Amino acid sequence: MSLSFVTLGVGDAFSALHYSSCLTLEAEGQVLLLDCPHPIRKMMREASLSSGVELDADRVSGLVLTHLHADHSSGVEGLGYFSFFVLKRKLRLLAHPDVTRRLWEGHLAAGMEDLIRKPGGEPERHGFEDYFEPLALSTEAPVQFGPFSIESRMTYHHVPTTALRIRAGGRCLGYSADTAYDEGLISWLSEADLVVHETNYGVHTPYAKLAALPAPLRAKMRLIHYPDDFDLQASNIEPLAQGRRYTV
C-alpha cells in the first residue's frame, strides 16, 4: 500500500513555461485528479510519457476541485463532456459546497446546458447532475472516497478555496491550494507526511515566508504554482517538477 502523485502542471495562471498546477494522486489502483485545468488530457498524456504512470480520463475515479479560478478549473467542461460522450458515465466531482455553489450557473452552464441531438433540431436542456456526480467535502469531518480520506480547510483567497489533507495507504499529503500566507494553515498542513505548498506574488504566499520556516518542515515541503522567474536552483525548498512521479 502506498500513496503517490504525478505533477501534471506546476505553473501559475500566467505561466508561459508550464501547465497550470495540477496533480493526480494514486492509491490502491485508484486515481484522484486534484484540480482540472485545460488541456487536461494532453497534460495527462505528457505526464504519462515522462513519469511512466499510465494516465488518462478513463483512469480518473474522481476530481477534487479546490476553487473556480480558470487555471484550476478550465478543464472541467472538457473532462465532463469526455466522460458523458465517450466514457458514458458521470464524472465524480468532490468539492466544498462553497466552491460548487457557482460552478454550474457561473462557470459551466453556458457551454453545457443545451445539446442539439440532430441538425436543425431543438436543443435538449441538461443540468449539472446529467454530467457530474457531486460529493460534498467538509471542513468539519473527513470525507471517504475509495481509499482516500479527504479533509478540507478554507484558505485566504479571492474566491472560496480549500486546502486539503488527503490520506491513503497509511500516508498523508497536504496541499495548500491557492492562499495568502497563513500560519494556521501551515500548522494544519504540517501534520501531513509531505506538504505541497504554493508560492507566488500578490495575494499568494511569498517564498521568503516559506523559506523562513523551521528546517524539518521545509524538508518535507514541496513548492508548486511558482512564477516563471522563480529561481529553482536557489530555493531552499524543493520545487516540484512537472511530469514527475513522487511517493508520499
Protein backbone atom coordinates (compact mmCIF):
# COMPACT_ATOMS: atom_id res chain seq x y z
CA MET A 1 0.00 0.00 0.00
CA SER A 2 1.29 3.47 -0.87
CA LEU A 3 0.23 6.98 -1.80
CA SER A 4 1.90 8.61 -4.79
CA PHE A 5 1.23 11.53 -7.10
CA VAL A 6 2.25 12.78 -10.53
CA THR A 7 2.59 16.51 -11.19
CA LEU A 8 0.68 17.36 -14.35
CA GLY A 9 1.45 21.07 -14.00
CA VAL A 10 3.40 23.34 -11.66
CA GLY A 11 2.81 26.84 -13.02
CA ASP A 12 0.64 29.79 -12.13
CA ALA A 13 -2.18 31.36 -14.16
CA PHE A 14 0.27 33.44 -16.25
CA SER A 15 2.94 30.83 -16.96
CA ALA A 16 4.45 30.60 -20.45
CA LEU A 17 6.69 27.70 -19.37
CA HIS A 18 4.47 25.25 -17.52
CA TYR A 19 0.96 23.88 -17.38
CA SER A 20 -1.24 25.20 -14.56
CA SER A 21 -0.85 23.48 -11.20
CA CYS A 22 -2.50 20.07 -11.10
CA LEU A 23 -1.79 16.63 -9.59
CA THR A 24 -3.01 13.08 -9.94
CA LEU A 25 -2.94 11.04 -6.73
CA GLU A 26 -2.91 7.25 -6.82
CA ALA A 27 -3.61 4.66 -4.11
CA GLU A 28 -4.79 1.07 -4.41
CA GLY A 29 -5.05 1.46 -8.17
CA GLN A 30 -7.47 4.41 -7.98
CA VAL A 31 -6.58 7.83 -9.41
CA LEU A 32 -7.80 11.09 -7.92
CA LEU A 33 -7.38 14.22 -10.04
CA LEU A 34 -6.58 17.33 -8.00
CA ASP A 35 -7.87 20.37 -9.93
CA CYS A 36 -8.55 20.35 -13.65
CA PRO A 37 -7.04 23.00 -15.93
CA HIS A 38 -7.20 22.81 -19.71
CA PRO A 39 -5.90 20.86 -21.69
CA ILE A 40 -6.25 18.14 -19.08
CA ARG A 41 -5.99 15.05 -21.31
CA LYS A 42 -2.89 16.43 -23.04
CA MET A 43 -1.41 17.13 -19.63
CA MET A 44 -2.10 13.54 -18.56
CA ARG A 45 -0.67 12.12 -21.76
CA GLU A 46 2.58 14.07 -21.47
CA ALA A 47 2.93 13.22 -17.77
CA SER A 48 2.34 9.55 -18.61
CA LEU A 49 5.27 9.61 -21.05
CA SER A 50 7.64 11.33 -18.61
CA SER A 51 6.64 9.51 -15.41
CA GLY A 52 5.89 6.03 -16.72
CA VAL A 53 2.48 6.14 -14.98
CA GLU A 54 -0.46 5.41 -17.28
CA LEU A 55 -2.87 8.34 -17.02
CA ASP A 56 -5.99 9.28 -18.96
CA ALA A 57 -9.59 10.24 -18.27
CA ASP A 58 -10.74 6.63 -18.02
CA ARG A 59 -8.46 6.09 -15.02
CA VAL A 60 -9.79 9.08 -13.08
CA SER A 61 -12.01 7.84 -10.24
CA GLY A 62 -12.86 11.36 -9.11
CA LEU A 63 -11.97 15.05 -9.47
CA VAL A 64 -11.23 17.18 -6.42
CA LEU A 65 -11.77 20.86 -7.21
CA THR A 66 -10.17 23.38 -4.86
CA HIS A 67 -11.65 26.54 -6.40
CA LEU A 68 -13.10 28.08 -9.55
CA HIS A 69 -10.28 30.22 -10.94
CA ALA A 70 -9.73 29.18 -14.56
CA ASP A 71 -6.15 27.99 -14.06
CA HIS A 72 -7.60 25.34 -11.75
CA SER A 73 -10.98 24.62 -13.33
CA SER A 74 -10.89 25.46 -17.06
CA GLY A 75 -10.72 21.77 -17.99
CA VAL A 76 -13.86 20.72 -16.11
CA GLU A 77 -16.16 21.26 -19.11
CA GLY A 78 -13.96 19.20 -21.42
CA LEU A 79 -13.47 16.37 -18.94
CA GLY A 80 -17.19 16.39 -18.13
CA TYR A 81 -18.07 16.16 -21.82
CA PHE A 82 -15.50 13.40 -22.40
CA SER A 83 -16.96 11.39 -19.52
CA PHE A 84 -20.51 11.95 -20.84
CA PHE A 85 -19.98 11.27 -24.55
CA VAL A 86 -17.01 8.90 -24.65
CA LEU A 87 -16.87 7.08 -21.31
CA LYS A 88 -20.68 7.05 -20.94
CA ARG A 89 -20.51 7.87 -17.24
CA LYS A 90 -20.80 10.82 -14.92
CA LEU A 91 -17.65 12.48 -13.63
CA ARG A 92 -17.48 12.18 -9.85
CA LEU A 93 -16.68 15.66 -8.57
CA LEU A 94 -15.61 16.36 -4.99
CA ALA A 95 -15.62 19.94 -3.70
CA HIS A 96 -16.75 22.02 -0.76
CA PRO A 97 -20.31 23.43 -1.19
CA ASP A 98 -18.90 26.97 -1.18
CA VAL A 99 -16.86 26.00 -4.26
CA THR A 100 -19.63 24.19 -6.16
CA ARG A 101 -22.26 26.82 -5.35
CA ARG A 102 -21.48 28.80 -8.54
CA LEU A 103 -19.84 26.04 -10.58
CA TRP A 104 -22.83 25.35 -12.85
CA GLU A 105 -24.56 28.71 -13.30
CA GLY A 106 -21.41 30.81 -13.02
CA HIS A 107 -18.99 28.60 -14.92
CA LEU A 108 -20.34 25.61 -16.89
CA ALA A 109 -23.98 26.18 -17.89
CA ALA A 110 -23.29 28.49 -20.85
CA GLY A 111 -21.33 25.77 -22.60
CA MET A 112 -23.06 22.62 -21.37
CA GLU A 113 -26.77 23.14 -20.70
CA ASP A 114 -28.02 22.86 -24.32
CA LEU A 115 -27.27 19.88 -26.58
CA ILE A 116 -28.65 19.57 -30.10
CA ARG A 117 -29.37 15.94 -30.95
CA LYS A 118 -29.61 16.31 -34.76
CA PRO A 119 -29.04 19.13 -37.31
CA GLY A 120 -31.85 21.65 -37.15
CA GLY A 121 -33.27 20.05 -34.04
CA GLU A 122 -34.29 21.75 -30.84
CA PRO A 123 -31.68 21.75 -28.07
CA GLU A 124 -32.16 19.35 -25.19
CA ARG A 125 -31.66 21.01 -21.82
CA HIS A 126 -29.16 19.44 -19.45
CA GLY A 127 -28.20 20.21 -15.87
CA PHE A 128 -25.20 19.74 -13.59
CA GLU A 129 -26.20 16.27 -12.42
CA ASP A 130 -26.57 14.99 -16.00
CA TYR A 131 -22.78 15.24 -16.32
CA PHE A 132 -21.47 15.10 -12.76
CA GLU A 133 -21.92 13.04 -9.63
CA PRO A 134 -21.22 15.53 -6.83
CA LEU A 135 -19.80 14.67 -3.43
CA ALA A 136 -19.52 17.46 -0.85
CA LEU A 137 -16.27 17.95 1.02
CA SER A 138 -16.45 19.29 4.57
CA THR A 139 -14.31 21.38 6.89
CA GLU A 140 -15.93 19.57 9.82
CA ALA A 141 -15.04 15.93 9.15
CA PRO A 142 -13.09 13.77 6.68
CA VAL A 143 -14.88 12.51 3.59
CA GLN A 144 -14.08 9.00 2.40
CA PHE A 145 -13.75 8.38 -1.34
CA GLY A 146 -12.46 4.94 -2.24
CA PRO A 147 -9.09 4.55 -0.48
CA PHE A 148 -8.80 8.32 0.05
CA SER A 149 -9.81 10.17 3.21
CA ILE A 150 -10.09 13.87 2.38
CA GLU A 151 -10.02 16.73 4.92
CA SER A 152 -10.62 20.35 3.91
CA ARG A 153 -9.79 23.79 5.28
CA MET A 154 -10.69 27.16 3.75
CA THR A 155 -7.80 29.36 2.64
CA TYR A 156 -7.34 33.13 2.23
CA HIS A 157 -8.01 33.73 -1.46
CA HIS A 158 -10.19 35.83 -3.78
CA VAL A 159 -12.82 33.10 -4.14
CA PRO A 160 -13.80 30.18 -1.87
CA THR A 161 -10.82 27.83 -1.89
CA THR A 162 -9.99 24.70 0.09
CA ALA A 163 -6.65 23.37 1.21
CA LEU A 164 -6.58 19.60 1.62
CA ARG A 165 -5.15 16.77 3.66
CA ILE A 166 -5.54 13.51 1.77
CA ARG A 167 -4.80 10.19 3.47
CA ALA A 168 -4.36 6.78 1.87
CA GLY A 169 -2.05 3.83 2.26
CA GLY A 170 -1.04 4.94 5.74
CA ARG A 171 0.35 8.24 4.43
CA CYS A 172 -0.93 11.83 4.26
CA LEU A 173 -0.43 14.51 1.60
CA GLY A 174 -1.07 18.14 2.49
CA TYR A 175 -2.00 20.58 -0.30
CA SER A 176 -2.27 24.31 0.30
CA ALA A 177 -4.14 25.19 -2.91
CA ASP A 178 -4.07 28.96 -3.58
CA THR A 179 -3.66 31.03 -0.44
CA ALA A 180 -2.08 34.04 1.19
CA TYR A 181 0.45 33.15 3.88
CA ASP A 182 -1.44 31.68 6.83
CA GLU A 183 0.36 30.39 9.92
CA GLY A 184 -2.75 28.46 10.98
CA LEU A 185 -2.89 26.72 7.62
CA ILE A 186 0.83 25.93 7.75
CA SER A 187 0.29 24.31 11.15
CA TRP A 188 -2.70 22.33 9.86
CA LEU A 189 -0.75 21.11 6.82
CA SER A 190 2.34 20.25 8.88
CA GLU A 191 0.61 17.12 10.21
CA ALA A 192 1.00 15.59 6.74
CA ASP A 193 3.94 13.42 5.71
CA LEU A 194 4.52 15.63 2.65
CA VAL A 195 3.25 19.17 2.10
CA VAL A 196 2.77 20.70 -1.35
CA HIS A 197 2.56 24.47 -0.91
CA GLU A 198 2.04 27.25 -3.44
CA THR A 199 4.28 30.28 -3.74
CA ASN A 200 3.77 33.35 -5.91
CA TYR A 201 3.32 37.11 -5.96
CA GLY A 202 0.42 39.32 -4.87
CA VAL A 203 -2.17 37.66 -2.65
CA HIS A 204 -0.28 34.37 -2.79
CA THR A 205 2.30 33.04 -0.34
CA PRO A 206 5.71 34.76 -0.60
CA TYR A 207 8.64 32.39 -0.96
CA ALA A 208 10.52 34.31 1.78
CA LYS A 209 7.86 33.34 4.33
CA LEU A 210 8.17 29.64 3.48
CA ALA A 211 11.98 29.81 3.33
CA ALA A 212 12.00 31.06 6.94
CA LEU A 213 10.06 28.07 8.28
CA PRO A 214 11.86 25.53 10.51
CA ALA A 215 14.17 23.19 8.61
CA PRO A 216 12.25 19.95 9.46
CA LEU A 217 9.08 21.41 7.95
CA ARG A 218 10.90 22.73 4.87
CA ALA A 219 12.43 19.28 4.38
CA LYS A 220 9.01 17.72 3.86
CA MET A 221 7.61 20.61 1.82
CA ARG A 222 7.50 20.90 -1.98
CA LEU A 223 6.67 24.05 -3.97
CA ILE A 224 4.05 24.44 -6.70
CA HIS A 225 2.26 27.30 -8.52
CA TYR A 226 5.52 29.22 -8.74
CA PRO A 227 6.06 32.02 -11.29
CA ASP A 228 8.21 31.58 -14.39
CA ASP A 229 11.01 33.71 -12.96
CA PHE A 230 11.26 31.67 -9.76
CA ASP A 231 14.89 30.62 -9.15
CA LEU A 232 14.54 26.86 -8.86
CA GLN A 233 18.23 26.30 -8.09
CA ALA A 234 18.37 28.87 -5.27
CA SER A 235 15.28 27.62 -3.44
CA ASN A 236 15.87 26.00 -0.05
CA ILE A 237 12.57 24.13 -0.51
CA GLU A 238 12.38 21.59 -3.33
CA PRO A 239 10.16 22.77 -6.20
CA LEU A 240 8.03 20.09 -7.82
CA ALA A 241 8.99 19.12 -11.36
CA GLN A 242 6.27 18.86 -13.99
CA GLY A 243 5.64 15.33 -15.23
CA ARG A 244 7.43 13.56 -12.36
CA ARG A 245 6.05 10.90 -10.02
CA TYR A 246 6.53 11.30 -6.26
CA THR A 247 5.87 8.91 -3.39
CA VAL A 248 4.45 10.42 -0.20
